[in-house]
Amino acid sequence: MNRFAKIKASLLALSLLFVANVVPFAEAQNACQNISGHIQGQIIGPNSACGGALTEIGSFSGSPAGTFVACITNMQQRGDGALVFDLAHTYTTSTGDTFTVVDHVVGGPIAPPLYRINNRANITGGTGLYEDAFGFIRDHGTADLQAGVVTVDYEGRICTP
């Protein structure tokens, strides 16, 4: 094989390697979508939906939209007045698909029992369209613990394998 043919074969091999590595990456990127909207929740107290733990139920609008159940698995007050919550959410879309989220929320005191919520939650799985989903949600808003009302806007990115 002459030198030109070797260079041509090498370039062809490099091109094939590039395509083989970039195309699956691009397809994986297509499995992600930006999400955003509004979450309106009501803390209803201990409930069987969360195995007797403190429970929040509500709805979320935007893209996607539906209902949710959030189980508060841990709650502590820090010395600076902030409240720390650990939660596990199950969001059910209007089409019946679900995605699950865990988060560690720090509620900053505004005028207790009103707290500011600035949070990043991790998407940990799901069913249907969101089977094995991963990603994140950022939410910003307030929690009024006297009224039991949580209202936040959310944005994030949800991906599926």
C-alpha atoms as a PDB file:
ATOM      1  CA  MET A   1       0.000   0.000   0.000  1.00  0.00           C
ATOM      2  CA  ASN A   2       1.483   3.361  -0.952  1.00  0.00           C
ATOM      3  CA  ARG A   3       1.807   6.244   1.454  1.00  0.00           C
ATOM      4  CA  PHE A   4      -1.237   8.126   0.076  1.00  0.00           C
ATOM      5  CA  ALA A   5      -3.452   5.072   0.474  1.00  0.00           C
ATOM      6  CA  LYS A   6      -2.253   4.622   4.090  1.00  0.00           C
ATOM      7  CA  ILE A   7      -3.071   8.250   4.926  1.00  0.00           C
ATOM      8  CA  LYS A   8      -6.472   7.909   3.244  1.00  0.00           C
ATOM      9  CA  ALA A   9      -7.212   4.706   5.207  1.00  0.00           C
ATOM     10  CA  SER A  10      -6.108   6.355   8.473  1.00  0.00           C
ATOM     11  CA  LEU A  11      -8.351   9.369   7.863  1.00  0.00           C
ATOM     12  CA  LEU A  12     -11.281   7.098   7.061  1.00  0.00           C
ATOM     13  CA  ALA A  13     -10.702   5.124  10.275  1.00  0.00           C
ATOM     14  CA  LEU A  14     -10.519   8.342  12.331  1.00  0.00           C
ATOM     15  CA  SER A  15     -13.719   9.605  10.708  1.00  0.00           C
ATOM     16  CA  LEU A  16     -15.521   6.362  11.561  1.00  0.00           C
ATOM     17  CA  LEU A  17     -14.302   6.543  15.177  1.00  0.00           C
ATOM     18  CA  PHE A  18     -15.482  10.136  15.422  1.00  0.00           C
ATOM     19  CA  VAL A  19     -18.947   9.306  14.097  1.00  0.00           C
ATOM     20  CA  ALA A  20     -19.194   6.204  16.309  1.00  0.00           C
ATOM     21  CA  ASN A  21     -18.441   8.293  19.414  1.00  0.00           C
ATOM     22  CA  VAL A  22     -20.291  11.544  18.625  1.00  0.00           C
ATOM     23  CA  VAL A  23     -23.589  10.159  17.290  1.00  0.00           C
ATOM     24  CA  PRO A  24     -24.499   8.208  20.472  1.00  0.00           C
ATOM     25  CA  PHE A  25     -23.573  11.293  22.533  1.00  0.00           C
ATOM     26  CA  ALA A  26     -25.843  13.471  20.382  1.00  0.00           C
ATOM     27  CA  GLU A  27     -28.665  10.931  20.670  1.00  0.00           C
ATOM     28  CA  ALA A  28     -28.238  10.878  24.467  1.00  0.00           C
ATOM     29  CA  GLN A  29     -28.526  14.670  24.484  1.00  0.00           C
ATOM     30  CA  ASN A  30     -31.817  14.363  22.586  1.00  0.00           C
ATOM     31  CA  ALA A  31     -33.185  12.283  25.477  1.00  0.00           C
ATOM     32  CA  CYS A  32     -33.059  15.367  27.722  1.00  0.00           C
ATOM     33  CA  GLN A  33     -35.612  18.122  27.960  1.00  0.00           C
ATOM     34  CA  ASN A  34     -35.872  21.366  29.863  1.00  0.00           C
ATOM     35  CA  ILE A  35     -38.784  21.525  32.293  1.00  0.00           C
ATOM     36  CA  SER A  36     -40.371  24.496  34.070  1.00  0.00           C
ATOM     37  CA  GLY A  37     -43.549  25.612  35.743  1.00  0.00           C
ATOM     38  CA  HIS A  38     -45.201  26.183  39.107  1.00  0.00           C
ATOM     39  CA  ILE A  39     -45.712  23.896  42.112  1.00  0.00           C
ATOM     40  CA  GLN A  40     -48.571  24.450  44.544  1.00  0.00           C
ATOM     41  CA  GLY A  41     -48.581  22.188  47.606  1.00  0.00           C
ATOM     42  CA  GLN A  42     -50.467  21.645  50.840  1.00  0.00           C
ATOM     43  CA  ILE A  43     -48.855  20.063  53.896  1.00  0.00           C
ATOM     44  CA  ILE A  44     -51.566  17.692  55.174  1.00  0.00           C
ATOM     45  CA  GLY A  45     -49.805  16.157  58.172  1.00  0.00           C
ATOM     46  CA  PRO A  46     -48.856  12.527  58.714  1.00  0.00           C
ATOM     47  CA  ASN A  47     -50.465  10.350  56.038  1.00  0.00           C
ATOM     48  CA  SER A  48     -50.441   6.726  54.889  1.00  0.00           C
ATOM     49  CA  ALA A  49     -49.250   7.881  51.429  1.00  0.00           C
ATOM     50  CA  CYS A  50     -45.887   8.428  53.146  1.00  0.00           C
ATOM     51  CA  GLY A  51     -46.018   5.555  55.614  1.00  0.00           C
ATOM     52  CA  GLY A  52     -47.253   7.872  58.370  1.00  0.00           C
ATOM     53  CA  ALA A  53     -44.652  10.584  57.726  1.00  0.00           C
ATOM     54  CA  LEU A  54     -45.474  14.265  57.307  1.00  0.00           C
ATOM     55  CA  THR A  55     -46.946  14.596  53.802  1.00  0.00           C
ATOM     56  CA  GLU A  56     -47.342  17.325  51.190  1.00  0.00           C
ATOM     57  CA  ILE A  57     -49.706  16.901  48.250  1.00  0.00           C
ATOM     58  CA  GLY A  58     -50.368  19.201  45.352  1.00  0.00           C
ATOM     59  CA  SER A  59     -50.140  19.973  41.694  1.00  0.00           C
ATOM     60  CA  PHE A  60     -47.530  21.194  39.285  1.00  0.00           C
ATOM     61  CA  SER A  61     -48.206  23.134  36.100  1.00  0.00           C
ATOM     62  CA  GLY A  62     -46.067  23.901  33.095  1.00  0.00           C
ATOM     63  CA  SER A  63     -44.105  21.334  31.174  1.00  0.00           C
ATOM     64  CA  PRO A  64     -44.704  18.694  32.421  1.00  0.00           C
ATOM     65  CA  ALA A  65     -47.829  19.054  34.608  1.00  0.00           C
ATOM     66  CA  GLY A  66     -49.759  16.846  37.013  1.00  0.00           C
ATOM     67  CA  THR A  67     -49.938  16.016  40.722  1.00  0.00           C
ATOM     68  CA  PHE A  68     -47.407  15.032  43.375  1.00  0.00           C
ATOM     69  CA  VAL A  69     -46.942  13.500  46.791  1.00  0.00           C
ATOM     70  CA  ALA A  70     -43.937  14.539  48.884  1.00  0.00           C
ATOM     71  CA  CYS A  71     -42.851  12.658  51.994  1.00  0.00           C
ATOM     72  CA  ILE A  72     -40.929  14.717  54.523  1.00  0.00           C
ATOM     73  CA  THR A  73     -38.411  12.210  55.867  1.00  0.00           C
ATOM     74  CA  ASN A  74     -36.485  14.556  58.155  1.00  0.00           C
ATOM     75  CA  MET A  75     -37.024  18.073  59.515  1.00  0.00           C
ATOM     76  CA  GLN A  76     -34.722  20.060  61.812  1.00  0.00           C
ATOM     77  CA  GLN A  77     -34.367  23.666  62.851  1.00  0.00           C
ATOM     78  CA  ARG A  78     -30.884  25.151  62.764  1.00  0.00           C
ATOM     79  CA  GLY A  79     -29.550  27.681  65.250  1.00  0.00           C
ATOM     80  CA  ASP A  80     -29.888  30.494  62.699  1.00  0.00           C
ATOM     81  CA  GLY A  81     -33.654  29.867  62.445  1.00  0.00           C
ATOM     82  CA  ALA A  82     -33.490  28.049  59.112  1.00  0.00           C
ATOM     83  CA  LEU A  83     -35.470  24.833  58.693  1.00  0.00           C
ATOM     84  CA  VAL A  84     -33.897  21.850  56.975  1.00  0.00           C
ATOM     85  CA  PHE A  85     -36.145  19.289  55.265  1.00  0.00           C
ATOM     86  CA  ASP A  86     -35.316  16.013  53.525  1.00  0.00           C
ATOM     87  CA  LEU A  87     -38.036  15.016  51.065  1.00  0.00           C
ATOM     88  CA  ALA A  88     -38.874  12.258  48.614  1.00  0.00           C
ATOM     89  CA  HIS A  89     -41.341  13.262  45.874  1.00  0.00           C
ATOM     90  CA  THR A  90     -43.306  11.276  43.331  1.00  0.00           C
ATOM     91  CA  TYR A  91     -44.603  13.446  40.488  1.00  0.00           C
ATOM     92  CA  THR A  92     -47.367  11.946  38.323  1.00  0.00           C
ATOM     93  CA  THR A  93     -47.950  13.659  34.991  1.00  0.00           C
ATOM     94  CA  SER A  94     -51.338  14.146  33.385  1.00  0.00           C
ATOM     95  CA  THR A  95     -50.504  11.180  31.096  1.00  0.00           C
ATOM     96  CA  GLY A  96     -49.765   8.861  34.053  1.00  0.00           C
ATOM     97  CA  ASP A  97     -45.971   8.826  33.730  1.00  0.00           C
ATOM     98  CA  THR A  98     -44.042   9.406  36.966  1.00  0.00           C
ATOM     99  CA  PHE A  99     -40.665  10.719  38.020  1.00  0.00           C
ATOM    100  CA  THR A 100     -39.149  10.630  41.486  1.00  0.00           C
ATOM    101  CA  VAL A 101     -37.090  13.297  43.193  1.00  0.00           C
ATOM    102  CA  VAL A 102     -35.109  13.555  46.432  1.00  0.00           C
ATOM    103  CA  ASP A 103     -34.015  16.826  47.934  1.00  0.00           C
ATOM    104  CA  HIS A 104     -32.488  18.473  50.951  1.00  0.00           C
ATOM    105  CA  VAL A 105     -34.272  21.819  51.395  1.00  0.00           C
ATOM    106  CA  VAL A 106     -33.062  24.691  53.526  1.00  0.00           C
ATOM    107  CA  GLY A 107     -35.899  27.095  54.307  1.00  0.00           C
ATOM    108  CA  GLY A 108     -34.598  30.538  55.222  1.00  0.00           C
ATOM    109  CA  PRO A 109     -36.753  32.467  57.690  1.00  0.00           C
ATOM    110  CA  ILE A 110     -38.613  35.452  56.201  1.00  0.00           C
ATOM    111  CA  ALA A 111     -41.093  36.015  59.034  1.00  0.00           C
ATOM    112  CA  PRO A 112     -41.622  32.604  60.655  1.00  0.00           C
ATOM    113  CA  PRO A 113     -43.690  30.619  60.055  1.00  0.00           C
ATOM    114  CA  LEU A 114     -43.030  31.919  56.499  1.00  0.00           C
ATOM    115  CA  TYR A 115     -39.811  30.554  54.940  1.00  0.00           C
ATOM    116  CA  ARG A 116     -38.012  31.209  51.643  1.00  0.00           C
ATOM    117  CA  ILE A 117     -37.316  28.092  49.566  1.00  0.00           C
ATOM    118  CA  ASN A 118     -34.326  27.977  47.205  1.00  0.00           C
ATOM    119  CA  ASN A 119     -33.609  24.388  46.371  1.00  0.00           C
ATOM    120  CA  ARG A 120     -32.001  21.977  43.962  1.00  0.00           C
ATOM    121  CA  ALA A 121     -33.535  18.500  43.824  1.00  0.00           C
ATOM    122  CA  ASN A 122     -32.172  15.389  42.110  1.00  0.00           C
ATOM    123  CA  ILE A 123     -34.369  13.353  39.778  1.00  0.00           C
ATOM    124  CA  THR A 124     -33.774   9.701  40.688  1.00  0.00           C
ATOM    125  CA  GLY A 125     -36.035   7.613  38.444  1.00  0.00           C
ATOM    126  CA  GLY A 126     -39.517   7.166  37.096  1.00  0.00           C
ATOM    127  CA  THR A 127     -41.953   5.113  35.062  1.00  0.00           C
ATOM    128  CA  GLY A 128     -43.388   5.230  31.556  1.00  0.00           C
ATOM    129  CA  LEU A 129     -41.924   8.108  29.559  1.00  0.00           C
ATOM    130  CA  TYR A 130     -39.579   8.821  32.497  1.00  0.00           C
ATOM    131  CA  GLU A 131     -38.318   5.250  33.061  1.00  0.00           C
ATOM    132  CA  ASP A 132     -34.887   5.511  34.766  1.00  0.00           C
ATOM    133  CA  ALA A 133     -35.007   9.316  34.547  1.00  0.00           C
ATOM    134  CA  PHE A 134     -32.235  11.484  35.940  1.00  0.00           C
ATOM    135  CA  GLY A 135     -31.582  15.195  36.120  1.00  0.00           C
ATOM    136  CA  PHE A 136     -32.402  18.072  38.448  1.00  0.00           C
ATOM    137  CA  ILE A 137     -35.049  20.586  39.426  1.00  0.00           C
ATOM    138  CA  ARG A 138     -34.390  24.008  40.933  1.00  0.00           C
ATOM    139  CA  ASP A 139     -37.278  25.577  42.779  1.00  0.00           C
ATOM    140  CA  HIS A 140     -37.727  29.010  44.348  1.00  0.00           C
ATOM    141  CA  GLY A 141     -40.637  30.277  46.408  1.00  0.00           C
ATOM    142  CA  THR A 142     -42.099  30.112  49.905  1.00  0.00           C
ATOM    143  CA  ALA A 143     -43.439  27.706  52.510  1.00  0.00           C
ATOM    144  CA  ASP A 144     -46.009  29.001  54.993  1.00  0.00           C
ATOM    145  CA  LEU A 145     -45.940  26.425  57.766  1.00  0.00           C
ATOM    146  CA  GLN A 146     -48.902  27.951  59.619  1.00  0.00           C
ATOM    147  CA  ALA A 147     -51.188  27.663  56.586  1.00  0.00           C
ATOM    148  CA  GLY A 148     -49.368  24.538  55.327  1.00  0.00           C
ATOM    149  CA  VAL A 149     -48.990  26.100  51.878  1.00  0.00           C
ATOM    150  CA  VAL A 150     -45.927  25.641  49.671  1.00  0.00           C
ATOM    151  CA  THR A 151     -45.696  27.632  46.454  1.00  0.00           C
ATOM    152  CA  VAL A 152     -42.610  27.551  44.225  1.00  0.00           C
ATOM    153  CA  ASP A 153     -41.607  28.029  40.622  1.00  0.00           C
ATOM    154  CA  TYR A 154     -39.454  25.278  39.156  1.00  0.00           C
ATOM    155  CA  GLU A 155     -37.044  24.787  36.297  1.00  0.00           C
ATOM    156  CA  GLY A 156     -34.653  22.037  35.454  1.00  0.00           C
ATOM    157  CA  ARG A 157     -33.661  19.279  33.083  1.00  0.00           C
ATOM    158  CA  ILE A 158     -34.949  15.723  32.939  1.00  0.00           C
ATOM    159  CA  CYS A 159     -33.196  13.025  30.941  1.00  0.00           C
ATOM    160  CA  THR A 160     -33.812   9.388  30.115  1.00  0.00           C
ATOM    161  CA  PRO A 161     -31.250   6.827  29.002  1.00  0.00           C
END
